[in-house]
């Protein structure tokens, strides 16, 4: 089993209440949570949130919908040695897989890398793969990692075993985010919004809470993706039994205008590896040629905000240079 090194530290449970509040009450700017023994307890509604193996269980059971319950059961990972090693080392899965990951992370770093953020809050983070990739490019002294599934969150210390940082691990529902808005700690959602019943409604709830910076990477829809979906080649029912809700960028633009966010956007084309493997073997010259064609399509499509994945930064109250501001196109 992978080893957790001493370079990784944990935020104390008492200090976590400076950043987290009750997801049921959502009392801010001062948290309603207090640390007592093996629980965080809300001073307002008295709800108890247990702490298990350093993971804060910040899901209010009464708010779980059937869809979220299906996602929860579908995302539970049996914590075998094989599974822990597999998910903690996703960066070694394949050259093809990492090719598109690198593009997404590089676009994210355009927004993350030029700001004086003190840390980062990754929601729907699973085993923390995207955090590992970001920390390769920039050091953040404090990292929050959250997922719906406790088992996925418990793998994060193995994923970040070589990271010289402090972590806070908690479970949460994307529709009931327990984060207190903080200008120094941006929200990151990496390929998780589409697991909710409505990615737009989930995003809107976050914007209503006025988080200063929201970054997300998500599969997006357009007329071509909708056509593929009708053919059963895109937006297929996943392992949880839920059909993913690909985000509509035009409607994201409308939400940004409504809630007074600046919207910075890049798109890429990311073709699932399972399709490519029907055409060529890993590492073949055919794969190399296909990657060149896909990348050229991404560069052209990005000029028109047209692709299969979007890398988005929603920013409130501040102005920045170096980004094209999104203009919605049908």
Protein backbone atom coordinates (compact mmCIF):
# COMPACT_ATOMS: atom_id res chain seq x y z
CA UNK A 1 0.00 0.00 0.00
CA UNK A 2 1.18 3.54 -0.71
CA UNK A 3 2.77 5.30 2.21
CA UNK A 4 1.69 8.63 3.65
CA UNK A 5 4.81 10.69 4.30
CA UNK A 6 5.38 13.11 7.15
CA UNK A 7 5.39 16.11 4.77
CA UNK A 8 1.58 16.02 4.65
CA UNK A 9 -0.07 17.72 7.61
CA UNK A 10 -3.69 18.04 8.73
CA UNK A 11 -5.62 21.15 9.69
CA UNK A 12 -6.85 20.84 13.26
CA UNK A 13 -10.57 20.16 13.63
CA UNK A 14 -10.95 23.29 15.74
CA UNK A 15 -9.39 25.51 13.06
CA UNK A 16 -11.59 23.94 10.38
CA UNK A 17 -14.53 25.94 11.73
CA UNK A 18 -12.84 29.10 10.46
CA UNK A 19 -13.61 27.83 6.95
CA UNK A 20 -16.59 25.49 7.30
CA UNK A 21 -20.14 26.03 8.49
CA UNK A 22 -23.28 23.93 8.86
CA UNK A 23 -24.50 22.85 5.39
CA UNK A 24 -28.07 22.75 6.68
CA UNK A 25 -28.17 26.27 8.17
CA UNK A 26 -25.33 27.91 6.21
CA UNK A 27 -24.69 30.62 8.78
CA UNK A 28 -21.90 33.01 7.73
CA UNK A 29 -19.54 34.85 8.02
CA UNK A 30 -18.93 33.26 11.42
CA UNK A 31 -19.35 29.49 11.45
CA UNK A 32 -22.18 27.92 13.42
CA UNK A 33 -20.05 24.82 13.96
CA UNK A 34 -18.10 24.01 17.10
CA UNK A 35 -15.70 21.14 17.65
CA UNK A 36 -16.62 18.77 20.46
CA UNK A 37 -14.96 15.39 20.82
CA UNK A 38 -15.62 13.28 17.74
CA UNK A 39 -18.14 15.72 16.25
CA UNK A 40 -18.67 19.14 14.77
CA UNK A 41 -21.96 20.40 16.20
CA UNK A 42 -24.09 23.23 14.82
CA UNK A 43 -24.92 25.77 17.51
CA UNK A 44 -28.08 26.73 15.62
CA UNK A 45 -29.82 23.50 14.56
CA UNK A 46 -27.85 21.17 16.91
CA UNK A 47 -27.07 18.78 14.04
CA UNK A 48 -24.06 16.58 14.80
CA UNK A 49 -21.51 15.88 12.08
CA UNK A 50 -19.20 12.97 12.97
CA UNK A 51 -15.46 12.86 12.35
CA UNK A 52 -14.23 9.51 11.07
CA UNK A 53 -10.59 8.78 10.29
CA UNK A 54 -9.75 12.50 9.96
CA UNK A 55 -12.63 13.07 7.53
CA UNK A 56 -15.34 15.55 8.59
CA UNK A 57 -18.73 14.11 7.62
CA UNK A 58 -20.47 17.34 6.55
CA UNK A 59 -23.46 15.85 4.77
CA UNK A 60 -26.90 16.57 6.21
CA UNK A 61 -28.71 13.21 5.79
CA UNK A 62 -32.17 14.79 5.56
CA UNK A 63 -31.23 16.63 2.37
CA UNK A 64 -30.04 13.65 0.33
CA UNK A 65 -32.16 13.17 -2.77
CA UNK A 66 -32.58 9.80 -4.48
CA UNK A 67 -30.23 10.92 -7.24
CA UNK A 68 -27.55 11.91 -4.70
CA UNK A 69 -27.99 8.61 -2.88
CA UNK A 70 -27.43 6.78 -6.17
CA UNK A 71 -24.29 8.83 -6.77
CA UNK A 72 -23.11 8.12 -3.24
CA UNK A 73 -23.48 4.35 -3.61
CA UNK A 74 -22.03 4.42 -7.15
CA UNK A 75 -18.94 6.36 -6.08
CA UNK A 76 -18.02 4.29 -3.05
CA UNK A 77 -14.62 2.71 -3.59
CA UNK A 78 -13.69 -0.54 -1.82
CA UNK A 79 -10.49 0.41 0.00
CA UNK A 80 -8.33 -2.45 -1.17
CA UNK A 81 -4.62 -1.98 -1.73
CA UNK A 82 -5.16 -2.30 -5.49
CA UNK A 83 -7.88 0.38 -5.57
CA UNK A 84 -5.96 2.81 -3.39
CA UNK A 85 -2.86 2.53 -5.56
CA UNK A 86 -4.90 2.82 -8.77
CA UNK A 87 -6.80 5.96 -7.79
CA UNK A 88 -3.88 7.60 -6.00
CA UNK A 89 -1.80 7.35 -9.19
CA UNK A 90 -4.28 8.42 -11.86
CA UNK A 91 -1.53 10.60 -13.33
CA UNK A 92 0.11 7.37 -14.54
CA UNK A 93 -2.95 5.82 -16.19
CA UNK A 94 -2.00 6.52 -19.81
CA UNK A 95 -0.24 9.05 -22.00
CA UNK A 96 -3.48 9.67 -23.88
CA UNK A 97 -5.46 10.33 -20.69
CA UNK A 98 -2.84 12.72 -19.32
CA UNK A 99 -2.62 14.59 -22.62
CA UNK A 100 -6.02 16.18 -22.04
CA UNK A 101 -5.57 16.45 -18.30
CA UNK A 102 -2.49 18.59 -18.89
CA UNK A 103 -4.47 20.95 -21.13
CA UNK A 104 -7.22 21.36 -18.55
CA UNK A 105 -4.79 21.92 -15.68
CA UNK A 106 -2.74 24.42 -17.70
CA UNK A 107 -5.86 26.48 -18.43
CA UNK A 108 -6.80 26.33 -14.74
CA UNK A 109 -3.34 27.58 -13.80
CA UNK A 110 -3.87 30.68 -15.94
CA UNK A 111 -6.44 31.75 -13.37
CA UNK A 112 -4.95 30.20 -10.25
CA UNK A 113 -1.33 31.01 -10.95
CA UNK A 114 -1.54 34.80 -11.08
CA UNK A 115 -3.49 35.39 -7.88
CA UNK A 116 -2.33 35.60 -4.30
CA UNK A 117 -4.51 32.73 -3.12
CA UNK A 118 -3.56 31.21 0.23
CA UNK A 119 -5.08 27.83 -0.53
CA UNK A 120 -7.64 26.00 -2.61
CA UNK A 121 -10.94 24.23 -1.94
CA UNK A 122 -11.64 21.30 -4.25
CA UNK A 123 -15.23 20.00 -4.21
CA UNK A 124 -16.31 16.71 -5.75
CA UNK A 125 -12.63 15.91 -5.65
CA UNK A 126 -12.78 12.14 -5.33
CA UNK A 127 -9.29 10.82 -4.48
CA UNK A 128 -7.77 14.29 -5.13
CA UNK A 129 -6.20 13.69 -8.53
CA UNK A 130 -6.65 17.28 -9.77
CA UNK A 131 -5.14 18.65 -6.55
CA UNK A 132 -2.04 16.55 -7.10
CA UNK A 133 -1.69 17.92 -10.64
CA UNK A 134 -2.13 21.52 -9.49
CA UNK A 135 0.40 21.14 -6.66
CA UNK A 136 2.95 19.99 -9.23
CA UNK A 137 2.74 23.47 -10.74
CA UNK A 138 2.14 25.67 -7.69
CA UNK A 139 2.46 25.24 -3.95
CA UNK A 140 -0.62 25.93 -1.85
CA UNK A 141 0.00 25.83 1.92
CA UNK A 142 -3.59 24.80 2.70
CA UNK A 143 -5.76 22.44 0.66
CA UNK A 144 -9.37 21.42 1.26
CA UNK A 145 -10.56 18.26 -0.45
CA UNK A 146 -14.16 17.11 -0.39
CA UNK A 147 -16.29 14.47 -2.05
CA UNK A 148 -19.69 12.91 -1.61
CA UNK A 149 -18.14 9.50 -0.94
CA UNK A 150 -16.14 9.05 2.29
CA UNK A 151 -14.07 6.24 0.77
CA UNK A 152 -12.90 8.45 -2.10
CA UNK A 153 -11.95 11.24 0.30
CA UNK A 154 -9.99 8.84 2.48
CA UNK A 155 -7.67 8.09 -0.46
CA UNK A 156 -6.58 11.75 -0.71
CA UNK A 157 -3.73 11.40 1.83
CA UNK A 158 -2.24 8.67 -0.36
CA UNK A 159 -2.69 10.73 -3.52
CA UNK A 160 -0.97 13.71 -1.88
CA UNK A 161 1.56 11.62 0.04
CA UNK A 162 4.51 13.61 -1.32
CA UNK A 163 2.89 17.04 -1.02
CA UNK A 164 4.33 19.49 1.47
CA UNK A 165 1.00 21.02 2.43
CA UNK A 166 -1.75 21.00 5.06
CA UNK A 167 -5.05 19.33 4.21
CA UNK A 168 -8.59 19.39 5.51
CA UNK A 169 -10.77 16.48 4.38
CA UNK A 170 -14.56 16.47 4.48
CA UNK A 171 -17.56 14.93 2.77
CA UNK A 172 -20.20 17.22 1.29
CA UNK A 173 -23.07 17.43 -1.17
CA UNK A 174 -22.43 19.92 -4.00
CA UNK A 175 -25.95 21.24 -3.50
CA UNK A 176 -25.26 22.01 0.17
CA UNK A 177 -21.74 23.38 0.22
CA UNK A 178 -20.50 24.04 3.79
CA UNK A 179 -17.76 26.50 2.75
CA UNK A 180 -17.69 30.05 4.14
CA UNK A 181 -16.96 32.47 1.25
CA UNK A 182 -13.33 33.56 1.49
CA UNK A 183 -11.51 35.74 -1.01
CA UNK A 184 -8.23 33.92 -0.42
CA UNK A 185 -9.60 30.41 -1.03
CA UNK A 186 -11.14 29.77 -4.46
CA UNK A 187 -13.63 26.99 -5.13
CA UNK A 188 -12.56 24.32 -7.63
CA UNK A 189 -14.90 21.70 -9.11
CA UNK A 190 -13.13 19.28 -11.42
CA UNK A 191 -15.47 17.10 -13.48
CA UNK A 192 -18.09 16.79 -10.72
CA UNK A 193 -20.93 19.20 -11.55
CA UNK A 194 -22.28 16.86 -14.21
CA UNK A 195 -22.92 14.26 -11.52
CA UNK A 196 -25.62 16.46 -9.99
CA UNK A 197 -29.25 16.40 -11.13
CA UNK A 198 -28.88 19.89 -12.62
CA UNK A 199 -25.38 21.27 -13.06
CA UNK A 200 -26.75 24.77 -13.68
CA UNK A 201 -28.92 24.81 -10.55
CA UNK A 202 -26.00 23.53 -8.49
CA UNK A 203 -23.76 26.23 -9.92
CA UNK A 204 -26.41 28.89 -9.34
CA UNK A 205 -26.69 27.96 -5.65
CA UNK A 206 -22.97 28.60 -5.30
CA UNK A 207 -23.21 31.93 -7.07
CA UNK A 208 -26.07 32.93 -4.77
CA UNK A 209 -23.72 32.34 -1.84
CA UNK A 210 -21.33 34.82 -3.48
CA UNK A 211 -18.13 32.81 -3.56
CA UNK A 212 -15.46 35.15 -4.87
CA UNK A 213 -13.83 32.76 -7.33
CA UNK A 214 -15.32 29.58 -8.74
CA UNK A 215 -13.26 27.44 -11.10
CA UNK A 216 -14.72 24.41 -12.80
CA UNK A 217 -13.80 21.90 -15.49
CA UNK A 218 -16.81 20.15 -17.00
CA UNK A 219 -18.03 18.35 -20.09
CA UNK A 220 -20.26 20.78 -21.96
CA UNK A 221 -23.04 20.46 -24.46
CA UNK A 222 -23.68 22.01 -27.87
CA UNK A 223 -25.59 20.97 -30.97
CA UNK A 224 -22.93 18.42 -31.95
CA UNK A 225 -22.79 16.83 -28.47
CA UNK A 226 -26.59 16.71 -28.36
CA UNK A 227 -26.56 14.91 -31.71
CA UNK A 228 -24.03 12.38 -30.41
CA UNK A 229 -26.16 11.91 -27.29
CA UNK A 230 -29.14 10.93 -29.46
CA UNK A 231 -26.93 8.29 -31.07
CA UNK A 232 -25.87 6.99 -27.67
CA UNK A 233 -22.28 8.15 -28.18
CA UNK A 234 -22.27 10.89 -25.54
CA UNK A 235 -23.92 11.65 -22.21
CA UNK A 236 -24.55 7.98 -21.53
CA UNK A 237 -25.88 6.65 -18.24
CA UNK A 238 -22.97 6.16 -15.85
CA UNK A 239 -22.09 3.50 -13.27
CA UNK A 240 -24.32 5.20 -10.69
CA UNK A 241 -27.36 4.82 -12.93
CA UNK A 242 -27.49 8.58 -13.49
CA UNK A 243 -27.26 10.30 -16.86
CA UNK A 244 -24.64 13.10 -16.57
CA UNK A 245 -25.89 16.64 -17.00
CA UNK A 246 -23.41 18.32 -19.37
CA UNK A 247 -23.24 22.05 -18.77
CA UNK A 248 -24.72 24.57 -21.20
CA UNK A 249 -22.22 27.42 -21.63
CA UNK A 250 -24.79 29.86 -22.98
CA UNK A 251 -26.83 29.44 -19.80
CA UNK A 252 -23.68 29.75 -17.67
CA UNK A 253 -23.14 33.11 -19.38
CA UNK A 254 -26.67 34.14 -18.48
CA UNK A 255 -26.14 33.17 -14.84
CA UNK A 256 -22.87 35.12 -14.74
CA UNK A 257 -24.66 38.22 -15.98
CA UNK A 258 -27.51 37.74 -13.51
CA UNK A 259 -25.23 37.39 -10.47
CA UNK A 260 -22.63 39.91 -11.67
CA UNK A 261 -19.74 37.53 -12.24
CA UNK A 262 -17.09 37.88 -14.89
CA UNK A 263 -16.87 34.73 -16.91
CA UNK A 264 -13.52 33.58 -18.31
CA UNK A 265 -13.70 30.56 -20.54
CA UNK A 266 -11.61 28.13 -22.54
CA UNK A 267 -12.78 25.00 -24.33
CA UNK A 268 -11.07 21.88 -25.65
CA UNK A 269 -12.12 18.74 -27.48
CA UNK A 270 -11.47 15.65 -25.36
CA UNK A 271 -12.34 12.37 -27.08
CA UNK A 272 -12.87 9.46 -24.64
CA UNK A 273 -10.01 7.00 -24.76
CA UNK A 274 -12.37 4.06 -25.16
CA UNK A 275 -13.32 5.39 -28.61
CA UNK A 276 -9.71 5.93 -29.66
CA UNK A 277 -8.78 2.39 -28.62
CA UNK A 278 -11.24 1.07 -31.21
CA UNK A 279 -9.10 2.75 -33.85
CA UNK A 280 -5.53 2.36 -32.62
CA UNK A 281 -3.28 0.99 -29.90
CA UNK A 282 -1.74 3.06 -27.11
CA UNK A 283 1.49 4.76 -28.20
CA UNK A 284 0.97 4.06 -31.92
CA UNK A 285 1.70 6.58 -34.69
CA UNK A 286 -2.05 6.66 -35.44
CA UNK A 287 -2.71 7.85 -31.88
CA UNK A 288 -0.10 10.61 -32.32
CA UNK A 289 -1.75 11.79 -35.52
CA UNK A 290 -5.21 11.75 -33.93
CA UNK A 291 -3.95 13.80 -30.99
CA UNK A 292 -2.59 16.42 -33.38
CA UNK A 293 -5.94 16.60 -35.18
CA UNK A 294 -7.86 16.84 -31.88
CA UNK A 295 -5.54 19.58 -30.59
CA UNK A 296 -5.94 21.61 -33.79
CA UNK A 297 -9.71 21.26 -33.47
CA UNK A 298 -9.44 22.48 -29.87
CA UNK A 299 -7.47 25.57 -30.86
CA UNK A 300 -9.97 26.51 -33.55
CA UNK A 301 -12.96 25.62 -31.36
CA UNK A 302 -11.61 27.67 -28.46
CA UNK A 303 -11.87 30.81 -30.58
CA UNK A 304 -15.60 30.13 -30.83
CA UNK A 305 -16.03 28.72 -27.28
CA UNK A 306 -16.91 25.38 -28.88
CA UNK A 307 -15.66 22.05 -27.57
CA UNK A 308 -16.57 19.02 -25.49
CA UNK A 309 -15.00 20.33 -22.26
CA UNK A 310 -15.01 23.79 -20.70
CA UNK A 311 -12.48 25.26 -18.29
CA UNK A 312 -14.28 28.12 -16.57
CA UNK A 313 -13.45 30.83 -14.05
CA UNK A 314 -16.31 32.78 -12.49
CA UNK A 315 -14.97 35.85 -10.73
CA UNK A 316 -16.76 38.42 -8.63
CA UNK A 317 -15.69 41.92 -7.57
CA UNK A 318 -12.24 41.90 -9.17
CA UNK A 319 -10.82 42.69 -12.60
CA UNK A 320 -8.02 40.76 -14.25
CA UNK A 321 -6.13 40.77 -17.49
CA UNK A 322 -5.03 37.93 -19.68
CA UNK A 323 -8.41 36.31 -20.30
CA UNK A 324 -10.96 36.45 -23.06
CA UNK A 325 -14.30 37.29 -21.47
CA UNK A 326 -16.98 34.91 -22.72
CA UNK A 327 -19.62 36.15 -25.11
CA UNK A 328 -22.44 33.58 -25.32
CA UNK A 329 -23.03 32.01 -28.73
CA UNK A 330 -25.93 29.78 -29.64
